[in-house]
Protein backbone atom coordinates (compact mmCIF):
# COMPACT_ATOMS: atom_id res chain seq x y z
CA UNK A 1 27.87 137.01 120.53
CA UNK A 2 30.72 135.88 122.67
CA UNK A 3 30.82 132.07 123.59
CA UNK A 4 31.31 132.43 127.55
CA UNK A 5 32.92 128.36 127.53
CA UNK A 6 35.57 129.13 124.78
CA UNK A 7 37.64 130.58 126.85
CA UNK A 8 37.81 128.03 129.65
CA UNK A 9 38.28 125.62 126.96
CA UNK A 10 41.26 126.82 125.66
CA UNK A 11 43.22 127.40 129.21
CA UNK A 12 42.25 123.99 129.97
CA UNK A 13 43.94 122.67 126.79
CA UNK A 14 46.82 124.91 127.39
CA UNK A 15 47.49 123.71 130.60
CA UNK A 16 46.92 120.12 129.35
CA UNK A 17 49.87 121.18 126.93
CA UNK A 18 52.41 122.12 129.85
CA UNK A 19 51.81 119.78 131.53
CA UNK A 20 52.22 116.99 129.04
CA UNK A 21 55.84 119.07 128.37
CA UNK A 22 56.61 119.16 132.34
CA UNK A 23 56.41 115.35 132.27
CA UNK A 24 58.73 114.85 128.92
CA UNK A 25 61.13 116.86 130.25
CA UNK A 26 61.09 114.89 133.58
CA UNK A 27 61.42 111.95 131.38
CA UNK A 28 64.02 113.04 129.30
CA UNK A 29 66.15 114.01 132.45
CA UNK A 30 65.70 111.13 134.49
CA UNK A 31 66.31 109.07 131.34
CA UNK A 32 69.69 110.99 130.61
CA UNK A 33 70.65 111.01 134.00
CA UNK A 34 70.16 106.62 133.67
CA UNK A 35 71.86 106.75 130.54
CA UNK A 36 75.28 108.37 131.38
CA UNK A 37 75.42 106.11 134.40
CA UNK A 38 74.19 102.45 133.73
CA UNK A 39 74.94 102.73 130.20
CA UNK A 40 72.62 102.37 127.22
CA UNK A 41 72.13 98.64 127.14
CA UNK A 42 71.75 98.57 131.05
CA UNK A 43 68.86 101.52 131.01
CA UNK A 44 65.69 99.96 130.30
CA UNK A 45 62.55 101.50 129.49
CA UNK A 46 60.65 100.30 132.73
CA UNK A 47 63.31 101.72 134.66
CA UNK A 48 63.21 105.02 133.45
CA UNK A 49 59.32 105.02 133.27
CA UNK A 50 59.38 103.96 137.07
CA UNK A 51 61.72 106.77 137.84
CA UNK A 52 59.82 109.21 136.18
CA UNK A 53 56.72 108.32 137.41
CA UNK A 54 54.92 107.38 133.98
CA UNK A 55 53.75 104.36 132.23
CA UNK A 56 56.09 102.37 129.88
CA UNK A 57 53.07 103.07 127.44
CA UNK A 58 53.64 106.93 127.49
CA UNK A 59 57.54 106.31 126.65
CA UNK A 60 56.99 104.59 123.86
CA UNK A 61 54.06 106.80 122.41
CA UNK A 62 55.93 109.81 123.31
CA UNK A 63 59.58 109.28 122.16
CA UNK A 64 59.63 104.89 120.19
CA UNK A 65 61.52 103.53 122.96
CA UNK A 66 65.33 104.26 123.83
CA UNK A 67 66.93 105.00 120.40
CA UNK A 68 63.93 107.96 119.94
CA UNK A 69 64.91 108.87 123.88
CA UNK A 70 68.56 109.20 123.17
CA UNK A 71 67.60 111.02 119.74
CA UNK A 72 65.82 113.85 121.97
CA UNK A 73 68.10 114.65 124.27
CA UNK A 74 70.73 114.78 121.94
CA UNK A 75 69.09 117.50 120.02
CA UNK A 76 68.02 119.32 123.65
CA UNK A 77 71.86 119.26 123.92
CA UNK A 78 72.52 121.14 120.66
CA UNK A 79 70.41 123.68 121.82
CA UNK A 80 73.23 125.06 124.58
CA UNK A 81 72.11 126.58 127.49
CA UNK A 82 70.78 129.93 126.61
CA UNK A 83 67.20 130.84 125.80
CA UNK A 84 68.01 131.17 122.29
CA UNK A 85 68.50 128.11 120.63
CA UNK A 86 72.74 128.08 120.06
CA UNK A 87 72.18 127.70 115.92
CA UNK A 88 69.94 130.84 115.90
CA UNK A 89 72.49 132.72 118.30
CA UNK A 90 74.92 131.50 115.92
CA UNK A 91 73.26 132.24 112.83
CA UNK A 92 72.29 135.63 114.07
CA UNK A 93 76.07 136.45 115.08
CA UNK A 94 77.42 135.56 111.53
CA UNK A 95 75.23 137.40 109.75
CA UNK A 96 75.87 140.39 111.55
CA UNK A 97 79.24 140.62 112.08
CA UNK A 98 81.83 141.59 109.93
CA UNK A 99 84.95 140.70 111.50
CA UNK A 100 85.40 136.69 110.62
CA UNK A 101 88.15 136.35 113.39
CA UNK A 102 85.15 137.49 116.20
CA UNK A 103 83.08 134.90 113.87
CA UNK A 104 85.73 132.39 115.18
CA UNK A 105 85.51 133.27 118.25
CA UNK A 106 82.48 132.99 118.88
CA UNK A 107 81.61 129.80 116.84
CA UNK A 108 85.06 128.71 120.01
CA UNK A 109 82.65 130.25 122.82
CA UNK A 110 79.62 128.35 121.61
CA UNK A 111 81.55 124.75 121.34
CA UNK A 112 82.46 125.60 125.10
CA UNK A 113 78.85 125.67 125.87
CA UNK A 114 77.19 122.86 123.76
CA UNK A 115 80.47 120.34 123.87
CA UNK A 116 79.92 119.72 127.68
CA UNK A 117 76.13 118.65 127.22
CA UNK A 118 76.63 116.95 124.25
CA UNK A 119 79.86 114.84 124.45
CA UNK A 120 78.67 112.34 127.07
CA UNK A 121 75.88 111.11 125.22
CA UNK A 122 78.34 110.69 121.70
CA UNK A 123 80.34 108.97 123.82
CA UNK A 124 77.59 106.97 124.94
CA UNK A 125 75.80 106.35 121.38
CA UNK A 126 79.76 105.38 120.05
CA UNK A 127 80.27 103.02 122.43
CA UNK A 128 76.12 101.05 122.33
CA UNK A 129 76.91 101.64 117.94
CA UNK A 130 79.31 98.64 118.30
CA UNK A 131 77.00 96.12 119.06
CA UNK A 132 73.58 98.16 118.28
CA UNK A 133 71.89 98.98 115.23
CA UNK A 134 69.99 101.35 116.13
CA UNK A 135 72.82 103.14 118.03
CA UNK A 136 74.52 102.99 114.91
CA UNK A 137 72.36 104.41 113.06
CA UNK A 138 71.90 106.98 115.25
CA UNK A 139 75.86 107.65 115.36
CA UNK A 140 75.35 108.14 111.42
CA UNK A 141 72.79 110.71 111.64
CA UNK A 142 74.80 113.10 114.59
CA UNK A 143 77.86 112.65 112.07
CA UNK A 144 75.26 113.42 108.76
CA UNK A 145 73.61 116.20 110.61
CA UNK A 146 76.79 117.91 112.49
CA UNK A 147 78.47 117.68 108.82
CA UNK A 148 75.20 120.04 107.10
CA UNK A 149 75.74 122.39 109.74
CA UNK A 150 79.61 122.96 109.37
CA UNK A 151 78.99 123.27 105.34
CA UNK A 152 76.20 126.05 106.70
CA UNK A 153 78.39 127.98 109.02
CA UNK A 154 81.42 127.12 106.09
CA UNK A 155 79.15 129.13 103.83
CA UNK A 156 78.32 131.77 105.59
CA UNK A 157 82.12 132.33 106.22
CA UNK A 158 83.01 131.96 102.69
CA UNK A 159 83.43 136.06 101.54
CA UNK A 160 86.25 136.17 104.42
CA UNK A 161 87.86 132.80 103.24
CA UNK A 162 91.22 133.11 101.27
CA UNK A 163 90.72 132.26 97.60
CA UNK A 164 93.11 129.71 98.07
CA UNK A 165 90.41 128.38 100.49
CA UNK A 166 87.59 125.93 99.45
CA UNK A 167 83.94 125.55 100.72
CA UNK A 168 84.68 122.11 101.17
CA UNK A 169 87.83 122.51 103.21
CA UNK A 170 86.37 124.84 105.35
CA UNK A 171 83.60 123.00 106.04
CA UNK A 172 86.02 120.33 107.06
CA UNK A 173 88.41 122.45 109.09
CA UNK A 174 85.23 123.56 111.20
CA UNK A 175 83.70 120.01 111.62
CA UNK A 176 87.16 118.83 113.12
CA UNK A 177 87.69 121.60 115.37
CA UNK A 178 84.56 121.44 117.00
CA UNK A 179 84.30 117.40 117.13
CA UNK A 180 83.18 116.61 120.34
CA UNK A 181 86.08 113.72 120.92
CA UNK A 182 88.34 117.19 121.11
CA UNK A 183 86.44 118.79 124.19
CA UNK A 184 86.53 114.59 125.29
CA UNK A 185 90.15 114.68 125.23
CA UNK A 186 91.19 117.80 126.01
CA UNK A 187 89.08 118.96 128.93
CA UNK A 188 87.89 115.79 130.43
CA UNK A 189 90.71 113.74 129.89
CA UNK A 190 93.53 115.67 130.28
CA UNK A 191 91.63 118.59 132.33
CA UNK A 192 92.40 121.70 130.32
CA UNK A 193 90.08 124.28 130.88
CA UNK A 194 86.84 125.58 128.74
CA UNK A 195 88.33 128.57 128.31
CA UNK A 196 92.02 127.15 127.35
CA UNK A 197 89.73 124.53 124.58
CA UNK A 198 87.84 127.87 123.34
CA UNK A 199 91.21 129.30 122.69
CA UNK A 200 92.90 125.93 121.17
CA UNK A 201 89.83 125.68 118.81
CA UNK A 202 89.84 129.15 117.83
CA UNK A 203 93.42 129.17 117.14
CA UNK A 204 93.47 126.07 115.24
CA UNK A 205 90.11 127.19 113.14
CA UNK A 206 91.88 130.82 112.44
CA UNK A 207 95.21 129.60 111.50
CA UNK A 208 93.54 127.19 108.76
CA UNK A 209 90.84 129.51 107.31
CA UNK A 210 92.32 132.88 107.81
CA UNK A 211 94.87 135.19 105.70
CA UNK A 212 98.20 135.36 108.04
CA UNK A 213 98.61 138.23 109.79
CA UNK A 214 100.56 141.29 107.86
């Protein structure tokens, strides 16, 4: 016999989870804006809590303070802007696309999607890392994770590489050309368009990794 109370309870639990996710997203949006506007050191958890209309305790319980907020903001930036996270789209594309030139061009396009959100956060972490041990540790983690991701991508490209190109070399090429510092230099500092930026990193990766055209 069906318990008529279970459906409302399940609905209530689902509603609470949905509201909690919305509240967490609001905190992250507010924190990102304040960190990028005021800097890491000058932004306090109390100020974020006030602006997001939550308690300081909620932020510490949910995110673990400012370092945890930055980690979550960075992780969210890496997913890109599409309905499917950028890493998943990258994996699906590289698994199904037989042409390595198309793979590299698509990776360059994905970089233009992710870099605008990621680069300012990396710059914030890099600046704070000089004096803050938590941010120095986070910067190391970010670089380690990015290197692991580029190793993963290099393995997916391996069957297309000339025999003279090692996996490690391919990894390092991908790691370098997709670095947020290149976006920072070319787009933010030199005012290149994202299309120029994408073409630059595609051509660089292709020249380093693919056989020369006949």
